[in-house]
Amino acid sequence: MHHRKAFTAVAVAAAVGLALTGCSGGGGSPEASGPVQLTVWTGFTGGDAPGYEQIVKDFNASQSKINVTMTAEPWDTIQQKLPSAWLTGQGPDIAAPAPDPNVIAQYVETKSVLPITKTGTGTTDINVDSFAPALVNEFTYDDTLYAVPANYATLSLYYNKALFQAAGISSPPTTVDELKADAKKLTNGDTYGLVLADNNTIQMWPVLQWLEGGDVVDSKNCSVLGTAEGKASLKPWVDLVVNDKISPVGLTGAEADALFSAGKAAMEINGPWAAPGYKSAGIDLGIAAVPKATNGKPVTLGSTAPLAISAKTKHPDEAQEFLAYWTGKAAQKTFSLASGFPSLRTDLADDPDLAADPVVSIFASQVPDSRLYLPQVPKGTQVDTDAYVPLIGNLTRGTSLDDATATASTTIDQITGCSS
């Protein structure tokens, strides 16, 4: 899976697809003697897919009263079909509606998702007190929880050890200044120093801004892109792309991945889902923490996808029991070891098996310093697609910093309803 928005579709449960058949509740009433049937839709089709599949297999094997069938399709397919499916009761019992956690707000507004009430400390309860607090806050509206995190990932710095050695660089950068210097030094001919996707991708440009002390919006959801700090946080990276050609312009996430997999990029900021593909491609792979910011502090982006229950499910208790298992301690440990993702649970932070895993440990070490992108910003998804993505595209194609940030700021403030 690349960047949680651009994936190569693979069949996880072929033939079932996302056809709008059946209804919430598993496609009908089960026989009295049979298990409750629950259906789940997700967009997890990449290298981490086997980890999610294992959760379902283990849950089904752990008891006999509930049977879960999960299908995975590209995110854009789910985002096209799920809203109307849930409104009419023709969708799945449970779904990951999008890779963007902010999308839950629209389902709350349309009353399409079930409030989650079965929380607590029991084995069949959803242990929200053991989740990273930001993940609980992200899915809570008017003091009511409407989704649980399907996962939690941080972004790390992938680097090609062979290209580093050829350039005479002995170790990955640990500061933002070293990152910029290395990106320039590693750019040579058709090989790029640091590939930066700017569309159909998990956002990495906000990480670059955070490293330079900038941000996208303030606590009032007003744009700060046009402030002195905002422009200063964008300028060095725009200059590196435009003037020093450290990355092609206009890359999708998949295109950035392809360059790194082909050995044509020395560095990329990406999540744990990318590691299996890079290893399969034969890259002499290194993974390091994102370098420290100009203020000397570490920061990276944290990413999660929501899992929510249809408001029209016929089996709300069973659906919540499955979410309790999915987010439970045993399942999360198994998933982390299978996928390289850090656990979404804080009570696994010191688990020795996870600490010993070379991939998990890198991503897990950055959880305390990670930040969500536009957390609970009103219409945050639209802020990204209508303002931030065009901003980066315009800047890297030559639009002046003043003009591009002014346009983006006006759009953001209109979307969020900011009144500074």
Protein backbone atom coordinates (compact mmCIF):
# COMPACT_ATOMS: atom_id res chain seq x y z
CA MET A 1 0.00 0.00 0.00
CA HIS A 2 1.41 3.35 -0.86
CA HIS A 3 0.69 6.37 1.18
CA ARG A 4 -2.79 5.13 2.02
CA LYS A 5 -4.36 6.68 -1.03
CA ALA A 6 -2.74 5.12 -4.07
CA PHE A 7 -2.62 1.35 -4.01
CA THR A 8 -2.24 -1.56 -6.37
CA ALA A 9 -5.51 -3.45 -6.13
CA VAL A 10 -5.21 -7.12 -5.29
CA ALA A 11 -7.94 -9.60 -4.60
CA VAL A 12 -8.35 -10.11 -0.91
CA ALA A 13 -11.68 -11.82 -1.13
CA ALA A 14 -12.25 -12.15 -4.82
CA ALA A 15 -15.64 -12.13 -6.48
CA VAL A 16 -17.48 -10.54 -3.57
CA GLY A 17 -16.34 -7.01 -4.42
CA LEU A 18 -18.36 -4.04 -3.36
CA ALA A 19 -21.59 -4.83 -5.16
CA LEU A 20 -24.52 -3.34 -3.34
CA THR A 21 -26.13 -6.64 -2.51
CA GLY A 22 -27.44 -7.86 0.77
CA CYS A 23 -27.82 -5.37 3.59
CA SER A 24 -26.13 -4.24 6.77
CA GLY A 25 -26.26 -7.21 9.04
CA GLY A 26 -24.38 -9.68 6.91
CA GLY A 27 -26.80 -10.04 4.03
CA GLY A 28 -29.78 -11.36 5.94
CA SER A 29 -30.76 -13.19 9.09
CA PRO A 30 -28.67 -16.24 9.92
CA GLU A 31 -30.23 -19.53 10.82
CA ALA A 32 -30.96 -19.83 14.50
CA SER A 33 -28.27 -22.48 14.91
CA GLY A 34 -25.66 -20.68 12.83
CA PRO A 35 -23.28 -17.83 13.60
CA VAL A 36 -24.08 -14.18 13.03
CA GLN A 37 -22.64 -13.12 9.69
CA LEU A 38 -20.80 -9.78 9.59
CA THR A 39 -19.39 -8.12 6.47
CA VAL A 40 -16.47 -5.70 6.40
CA TRP A 41 -15.23 -3.44 3.59
CA THR A 42 -11.72 -2.00 3.61
CA GLY A 43 -9.22 -0.51 1.20
CA PHE A 44 -6.27 -2.39 2.65
CA THR A 45 -4.88 -3.97 -0.51
CA GLY A 46 -1.13 -3.51 -0.15
CA GLY A 47 1.75 -5.14 1.65
CA ASP A 48 -0.02 -4.86 4.98
CA ALA A 49 -3.13 -6.70 3.73
CA PRO A 50 -2.10 -10.12 5.11
CA GLY A 51 -1.95 -8.64 8.60
CA TYR A 52 -5.57 -7.50 8.44
CA GLU A 53 -6.64 -10.80 6.93
CA GLN A 54 -4.97 -12.61 9.83
CA ILE A 55 -6.99 -10.61 12.35
CA VAL A 56 -10.20 -11.80 10.69
CA LYS A 57 -9.03 -15.42 10.48
CA ASP A 58 -7.98 -15.45 14.12
CA PHE A 59 -11.25 -13.86 15.25
CA ASN A 60 -13.34 -16.40 13.36
CA ALA A 61 -11.28 -19.22 14.84
CA SER A 62 -11.53 -17.83 18.37
CA GLN A 63 -15.27 -18.34 18.74
CA SER A 64 -18.28 -19.84 16.94
CA LYS A 65 -21.08 -17.29 17.33
CA ILE A 66 -19.82 -14.67 14.83
CA ASN A 67 -18.34 -15.13 11.37
CA VAL A 68 -16.70 -12.18 9.63
CA THR A 69 -16.15 -11.85 5.89
CA MET A 70 -13.83 -9.04 4.82
CA THR A 71 -13.37 -7.73 1.29
CA ALA A 72 -10.84 -5.18 0.12
CA GLU A 73 -11.05 -2.92 -2.91
CA PRO A 74 -9.40 0.38 -3.90
CA TRP A 75 -10.22 3.27 -1.61
CA ASP A 76 -11.86 5.32 -4.36
CA THR A 77 -14.36 2.51 -4.99
CA ILE A 78 -15.32 2.39 -1.34
CA GLN A 79 -15.60 6.17 -1.12
CA GLN A 80 -17.92 6.22 -4.13
CA LYS A 81 -20.28 3.47 -2.96
CA LEU A 82 -20.28 3.46 0.82
CA PRO A 83 -22.14 6.73 1.58
CA SER A 84 -25.29 5.75 -0.31
CA ALA A 85 -24.96 2.11 0.71
CA TRP A 86 -24.98 2.99 4.39
CA LEU A 87 -27.79 5.52 4.00
CA THR A 88 -30.01 2.86 2.41
CA GLY A 89 -28.93 -0.04 4.61
CA GLN A 90 -27.40 -1.91 1.67
CA GLY A 91 -23.80 -1.73 2.77
CA PRO A 92 -21.55 -3.75 5.07
CA ASP A 93 -21.90 -3.96 8.83
CA ILE A 94 -18.43 -2.48 9.29
CA ALA A 95 -16.16 -0.48 7.02
CA ALA A 96 -13.00 1.51 6.82
CA PRO A 97 -14.63 4.36 4.86
CA ALA A 98 -11.40 6.02 3.71
CA PRO A 99 -7.70 6.32 4.53
CA ASP A 100 -8.46 9.82 5.82
CA PRO A 101 -9.68 9.84 9.44
CA ASN A 102 -11.50 13.15 8.93
CA VAL A 103 -14.01 11.45 6.65
CA ILE A 104 -15.87 10.10 9.69
CA ALA A 105 -17.33 13.58 10.22
CA GLN A 106 -19.48 13.30 7.09
CA TYR A 107 -20.91 9.97 8.23
CA VAL A 108 -21.67 11.42 11.64
CA GLU A 109 -23.51 14.32 9.96
CA THR A 110 -25.65 11.92 7.92
CA LYS A 111 -26.24 9.67 10.96
CA SER A 112 -24.83 6.74 9.00
CA VAL A 113 -22.51 5.42 11.72
CA LEU A 114 -23.35 3.75 14.99
CA PRO A 115 -22.19 5.37 18.24
CA ILE A 116 -19.73 3.02 19.91
CA THR A 117 -20.82 2.22 23.46
CA LYS A 118 -19.28 -1.14 24.34
CA THR A 119 -16.08 0.28 25.81
CA GLY A 120 -14.27 -0.80 28.94
CA THR A 121 -11.55 -3.10 30.16
CA GLY A 122 -13.10 -6.48 29.44
CA THR A 123 -11.92 -8.85 26.71
CA THR A 124 -15.03 -8.19 24.61
CA ASP A 125 -14.96 -4.44 25.33
CA ILE A 126 -13.20 -1.86 23.19
CA ASN A 127 -10.27 -0.79 25.40
CA VAL A 128 -10.22 2.88 24.41
CA ASP A 129 -8.16 3.78 27.49
CA SER A 130 -5.32 1.76 25.98
CA PHE A 131 -5.34 3.60 22.65
CA ALA A 132 -3.09 6.52 21.90
CA PRO A 133 -5.21 9.50 23.09
CA ALA A 134 -5.02 11.30 19.74
CA LEU A 135 -6.74 8.34 18.10
CA VAL A 136 -9.68 8.52 20.49
CA ASN A 137 -9.99 12.28 20.09
CA GLU A 138 -9.92 12.00 16.30
CA PHE A 139 -13.08 9.88 16.20
CA THR A 140 -15.01 11.59 18.99
CA TYR A 141 -17.72 14.11 18.12
CA ASP A 142 -19.90 15.80 20.76
CA ASP A 143 -18.40 13.47 23.37
CA THR A 144 -19.47 10.38 21.43
CA LEU A 145 -17.10 7.85 19.87
CA TYR A 146 -18.06 6.88 16.30
CA ALA A 147 -15.07 4.84 15.09
CA VAL A 148 -11.96 3.05 16.25
CA PRO A 149 -8.53 3.18 14.63
CA ALA A 150 -7.98 0.37 12.16
CA ASN A 151 -4.25 0.92 12.53
CA TYR A 152 -1.67 3.50 13.40
CA ALA A 153 1.41 4.28 11.38
CA THR A 154 4.18 6.81 11.50
CA LEU A 155 6.28 7.94 8.56
CA SER A 156 9.98 7.15 8.50
CA LEU A 157 12.88 7.88 6.17
CA TYR A 158 13.63 5.09 3.71
CA TYR A 159 17.06 5.23 2.13
CA ASN A 160 19.03 3.24 -0.40
CA LYS A 161 22.26 2.16 1.28
CA ALA A 162 24.00 1.44 -2.02
CA LEU A 163 23.31 4.94 -3.34
CA PHE A 164 24.48 6.45 -0.06
CA GLN A 165 27.72 4.50 -0.25
CA ALA A 166 28.29 5.52 -3.86
CA ALA A 167 27.86 9.17 -2.86
CA GLY A 168 30.29 8.81 0.05
CA ILE A 169 27.60 9.27 2.72
CA SER A 170 28.13 6.88 5.61
CA SER A 171 24.83 7.20 7.49
CA PRO A 172 21.31 8.59 7.09
CA PRO A 173 20.67 12.24 8.00
CA THR A 174 19.67 13.01 11.57
CA THR A 175 18.89 16.73 11.24
CA VAL A 176 16.83 18.70 8.74
CA ASP A 177 19.97 20.48 7.48
CA GLU A 178 21.66 17.14 6.83
CA LEU A 179 18.52 15.91 5.04
CA LYS A 180 18.57 18.88 2.67
CA ALA A 181 22.32 18.60 2.05
CA ASP A 182 22.12 14.86 1.41
CA ALA A 183 19.15 15.27 -0.93
CA LYS A 184 21.23 17.61 -3.10
CA LYS A 185 24.35 15.44 -2.99
CA LEU A 186 22.42 12.29 -3.89
CA THR A 187 20.74 13.89 -6.92
CA ASN A 188 22.71 12.81 -9.96
CA GLY A 189 21.46 12.50 -13.51
CA ASP A 190 18.29 10.42 -13.51
CA THR A 191 18.70 9.51 -9.83
CA TYR A 192 16.86 11.72 -7.34
CA GLY A 193 17.92 12.56 -3.81
CA LEU A 194 14.51 12.63 -2.12
CA VAL A 195 11.34 11.80 -4.04
CA LEU A 196 8.39 13.88 -2.87
CA ALA A 197 4.91 12.87 -3.98
CA ASP A 198 2.34 15.65 -3.87
CA ASN A 199 -0.92 13.99 -4.97
CA ASN A 200 -2.73 10.70 -4.47
CA THR A 201 -0.50 10.13 -1.50
CA ILE A 202 -0.29 10.39 2.21
CA GLN A 203 0.90 13.93 2.77
CA MET A 204 4.61 14.34 3.38
CA TRP A 205 4.91 18.06 2.64
CA PRO A 206 3.37 18.94 6.04
CA VAL A 207 6.20 16.96 7.63
CA LEU A 208 8.68 19.12 5.74
CA GLN A 209 6.88 22.21 7.00
CA TRP A 210 6.89 20.95 10.58
CA LEU A 211 10.61 20.30 10.31
CA GLU A 212 11.06 23.99 9.44
CA GLY A 213 8.70 25.28 12.17
CA GLY A 214 5.66 25.87 9.96
CA ASP A 215 2.13 24.50 9.78
CA VAL A 216 -1.05 24.54 7.69
CA VAL A 217 -3.71 25.91 10.07
CA ASP A 218 -3.82 27.30 13.59
CA SER A 219 -6.00 26.33 16.57
CA LYS A 220 -8.89 28.33 15.08
CA ASN A 221 -8.61 26.39 11.80
CA CYS A 222 -7.36 29.51 10.01
CA SER A 223 -4.62 29.12 7.41
CA VAL A 224 -1.10 30.04 8.50
CA LEU A 225 0.46 29.23 5.14
CA GLY A 226 0.80 32.90 4.26
CA THR A 227 2.48 33.91 7.50
CA ALA A 228 6.21 34.52 7.63
CA GLU A 229 6.67 31.16 9.36
CA GLY A 230 4.44 29.37 6.89
CA LYS A 231 6.25 30.68 3.83
CA ALA A 232 9.65 30.12 5.42
CA SER A 233 8.76 26.48 6.06
CA LEU A 234 7.87 25.92 2.40
CA LYS A 235 10.59 27.89 0.64
CA PRO A 236 13.66 25.66 1.18
CA TRP A 237 11.85 22.56 -0.05
CA VAL A 238 10.30 24.30 -3.04
CA ASP A 239 13.77 25.60 -3.95
CA LEU A 240 15.23 22.10 -3.66
CA VAL A 241 12.61 20.70 -6.03
CA VAL A 242 12.52 23.60 -8.50
CA ASN A 243 16.17 24.61 -8.55
CA ASP A 244 18.10 21.54 -7.41
CA LYS A 245 15.79 18.95 -8.99
CA ILE A 246 15.93 16.62 -5.98
CA SER A 247 12.54 15.18 -7.03
CA PRO A 248 10.39 15.16 -10.15
CA VAL A 249 7.37 17.46 -10.01
CA GLY A 250 3.81 16.19 -9.73
CA LEU A 251 4.51 12.66 -8.56
CA THR A 252 1.71 10.46 -7.30
CA GLY A 253 2.50 8.25 -4.36
CA ALA A 254 2.70 5.19 -6.60
CA GLU A 255 5.11 6.95 -8.95
CA ALA A 256 7.37 7.96 -6.08
CA ASP A 257 7.35 4.37 -4.84
CA ALA A 258 8.22 3.10 -8.30
CA LEU A 259 11.25 5.37 -8.52
CA PHE A 260 12.54 4.21 -5.15
CA SER A 261 11.85 0.55 -6.00
CA ALA A 262 13.79 0.96 -9.25
CA GLY A 263 16.83 2.35 -7.44
CA LYS A 264 16.28 5.78 -8.99
CA ALA A 265 15.67 7.57 -5.71
CA ALA A 266 17.97 7.64 -2.73
CA MET A 267 15.41 8.64 -0.09
CA GLU A 268 11.66 8.68 0.44
CA ILE A 269 9.44 9.47 3.41
CA ASN A 270 6.90 6.67 3.72
CA GLY A 271 5.04 4.37 6.07
CA PRO A 272 5.62 0.77 7.17
CA TRP A 273 3.40 -0.60 4.41
CA ALA A 274 6.14 0.22 1.88
CA ALA A 275 8.88 -1.96 3.37
CA PRO A 276 7.86 -5.36 1.92
CA GLY A 277 7.70 -4.02 -1.63
CA TYR A 278 11.08 -2.30 -1.41
CA LYS A 279 12.68 -5.43 -0.03
CA SER A 280 11.08 -7.54 -2.78
CA ALA A 281 12.49 -5.11 -5.35
CA GLY A 282 15.99 -5.93 -4.10
CA ILE A 283 16.76 -2.49 -2.68
CA ASP A 284 19.62 -2.40 -0.15
CA LEU A 285 17.16 -0.87 2.28
CA GLY A 286 17.72 1.28 5.29
CA ILE A 287 14.98 2.77 7.48
CA ALA A 288 15.64 5.61 9.90
CA ALA A 289 13.66 8.09 11.93
CA VAL A 290 12.68 11.30 10.19
CA PRO A 291 15.49 13.78 10.98
CA LYS A 292 15.05 16.24 13.82
CA ALA A 293 13.51 19.62 13.11
CA THR A 294 15.32 22.94 13.09
CA ASN A 295 14.38 23.37 16.76
CA GLY A 296 16.16 20.10 17.58
CA LYS A 297 12.99 18.17 18.30
CA PRO A 298 11.76 15.09 16.43
CA VAL A 299 8.47 15.21 14.53
CA THR A 300 6.74 13.08 11.93
CA LEU A 301 3.27 12.42 10.60
CA GLY A 302 1.01 9.86 12.20
CA SER A 303 -1.58 8.15 10.05
CA THR A 304 -4.69 6.17 10.87
CA ALA A 305 -7.74 4.85 9.09
CA PRO A 306 -11.10 4.59 10.83
CA LEU A 307 -13.20 1.47 11.34
CA ALA A 308 -16.86 2.28 11.86
CA ILE A 309 -20.16 0.41 12.13
CA SER A 310 -23.21 1.05 9.99
CA ALA A 311 -26.04 2.71 11.87
CA LYS A 312 -28.35 0.23 10.14
CA THR A 313 -26.51 -2.95 11.11
CA LYS A 314 -28.74 -5.68 12.50
CA HIS A 315 -25.94 -6.82 14.80
CA PRO A 316 -24.54 -3.83 16.71
CA ASP A 317 -23.30 -5.84 19.69
CA GLU A 318 -21.51 -8.42 17.57
CA ALA A 319 -19.99 -5.70 15.38
CA GLN A 320 -18.58 -3.95 18.44
CA GLU A 321 -17.26 -7.26 19.75
CA PHE A 322 -15.33 -7.69 16.51
CA LEU A 323 -13.87 -4.19 16.79
CA ALA A 324 -12.86 -5.03 20.35
CA TYR A 325 -10.97 -8.05 19.04
CA TRP A 326 -9.41 -6.11 16.14
CA THR A 327 -8.05 -3.45 18.51
CA GLY A 328 -7.25 -5.92 21.30
CA LYS A 329 -3.80 -6.57 22.65
CA ALA A 330 -3.24 -10.01 21.12
CA ALA A 331 -4.48 -9.06 17.65
CA GLN A 332 -2.50 -5.84 17.61
CA LYS A 333 0.73 -7.57 18.54
CA THR A 334 0.23 -10.17 15.82
CA PHE A 335 -0.60 -7.44 13.31
CA SER A 336 2.47 -5.37 14.18
CA LEU A 337 4.80 -8.32 13.74
CA ALA A 338 3.17 -9.21 10.41
CA SER A 339 2.98 -5.70 8.96
CA GLY A 340 5.73 -3.60 10.52
CA PHE A 341 3.15 -1.13 11.86
CA PRO A 342 3.52 0.16 15.40
CA SER A 343 0.66 -0.81 17.68
CA LEU A 344 -2.24 1.58 18.17
CA ARG A 345 -2.19 0.50 21.84
CA THR A 346 0.04 2.20 24.39
CA ASP A 347 0.23 -0.94 26.55
CA LEU A 348 2.37 -2.64 23.87
CA ALA A 349 4.99 0.09 23.84
CA ASP A 350 7.46 -1.97 25.87
CA ASP A 351 6.67 -5.37 24.40
CA PRO A 352 10.06 -7.13 23.93
CA ASP A 353 9.04 -8.94 20.74
CA LEU A 354 7.96 -5.70 19.07
CA ALA A 355 11.06 -3.90 20.31
CA ALA A 356 13.24 -6.59 18.76
CA ASP A 357 11.66 -6.25 15.32
CA PRO A 358 13.88 -3.94 13.22
CA VAL A 359 11.00 -2.44 11.21
CA VAL A 360 8.40 -2.15 13.98
CA SER A 361 10.90 -0.61 16.37
CA ILE A 362 11.78 2.27 14.01
CA PHE A 363 8.16 3.21 13.37
CA ALA A 364 7.14 2.65 16.99
CA SER A 365 9.95 4.84 18.30
CA GLN A 366 8.40 7.83 16.54
CA VAL A 367 4.86 7.41 17.88
CA PRO A 368 5.41 9.85 20.80
CA ASP A 369 6.57 12.55 18.39
CA SER A 370 3.98 11.99 15.65
CA ARG A 371 1.19 14.35 14.64
CA LEU A 372 -2.00 13.75 12.71
CA TYR A 373 -2.56 15.83 9.59
CA LEU A 374 -5.42 18.35 9.96
CA PRO A 375 -6.95 16.54 12.95
CA GLN A 376 -10.67 17.35 13.19
CA VAL A 377 -10.26 20.42 11.03
CA PRO A 378 -13.75 21.12 9.60
CA LYS A 379 -13.93 19.54 6.14
CA GLY A 380 -10.30 18.59 6.48
CA THR A 381 -10.47 16.26 3.49
CA GLN A 382 -11.61 19.15 1.31
CA VAL A 383 -8.89 21.39 2.75
CA ASP A 384 -6.37 18.85 1.52
CA THR A 385 -7.81 18.22 -1.94
CA ASP A 386 -8.95 21.76 -2.78
CA ALA A 387 -6.21 23.82 -1.15
CA TYR A 388 -3.11 22.01 0.04
CA VAL A 389 -2.53 19.65 -2.88
CA PRO A 390 -2.99 22.48 -5.43
CA LEU A 391 -0.68 24.67 -3.32
CA ILE A 392 2.23 22.25 -3.59
CA GLY A 393 1.53 21.64 -7.26
CA ASN A 394 1.54 25.35 -7.99
CA LEU A 395 4.68 26.06 -5.98
CA THR A 396 6.70 23.29 -7.61
CA ARG A 397 5.58 24.49 -11.05
CA GLY A 398 6.82 28.02 -10.52
CA THR A 399 4.00 30.02 -8.93
CA SER A 400 5.41 32.58 -6.51
CA LEU A 401 5.31 31.78 -2.82
CA ASP A 402 3.25 34.88 -2.04
CA ASP A 403 0.63 34.20 -4.71
CA ALA A 404 0.32 30.46 -4.07
CA THR A 405 0.01 30.75 -0.30
CA ALA A 406 -2.47 33.63 -0.58
CA THR A 407 -4.72 31.60 -2.88
CA ALA A 408 -4.48 28.49 -0.69
CA SER A 409 -5.15 30.48 2.48
CA THR A 410 -8.30 32.06 1.03
CA THR A 411 -9.58 28.63 0.01
CA ILE A 412 -8.79 27.06 3.38
CA ASP A 413 -10.50 29.80 5.36
CA GLN A 414 -13.59 29.57 3.17
CA ILE A 415 -13.75 25.80 3.61
CA THR A 416 -13.26 25.78 7.38
CA GLY A 417 -15.35 28.86 8.03
CA CYS A 418 -12.43 30.50 9.76
CA SER A 419 -13.02 33.96 11.16
CA SER A 420 -9.74 35.04 12.70
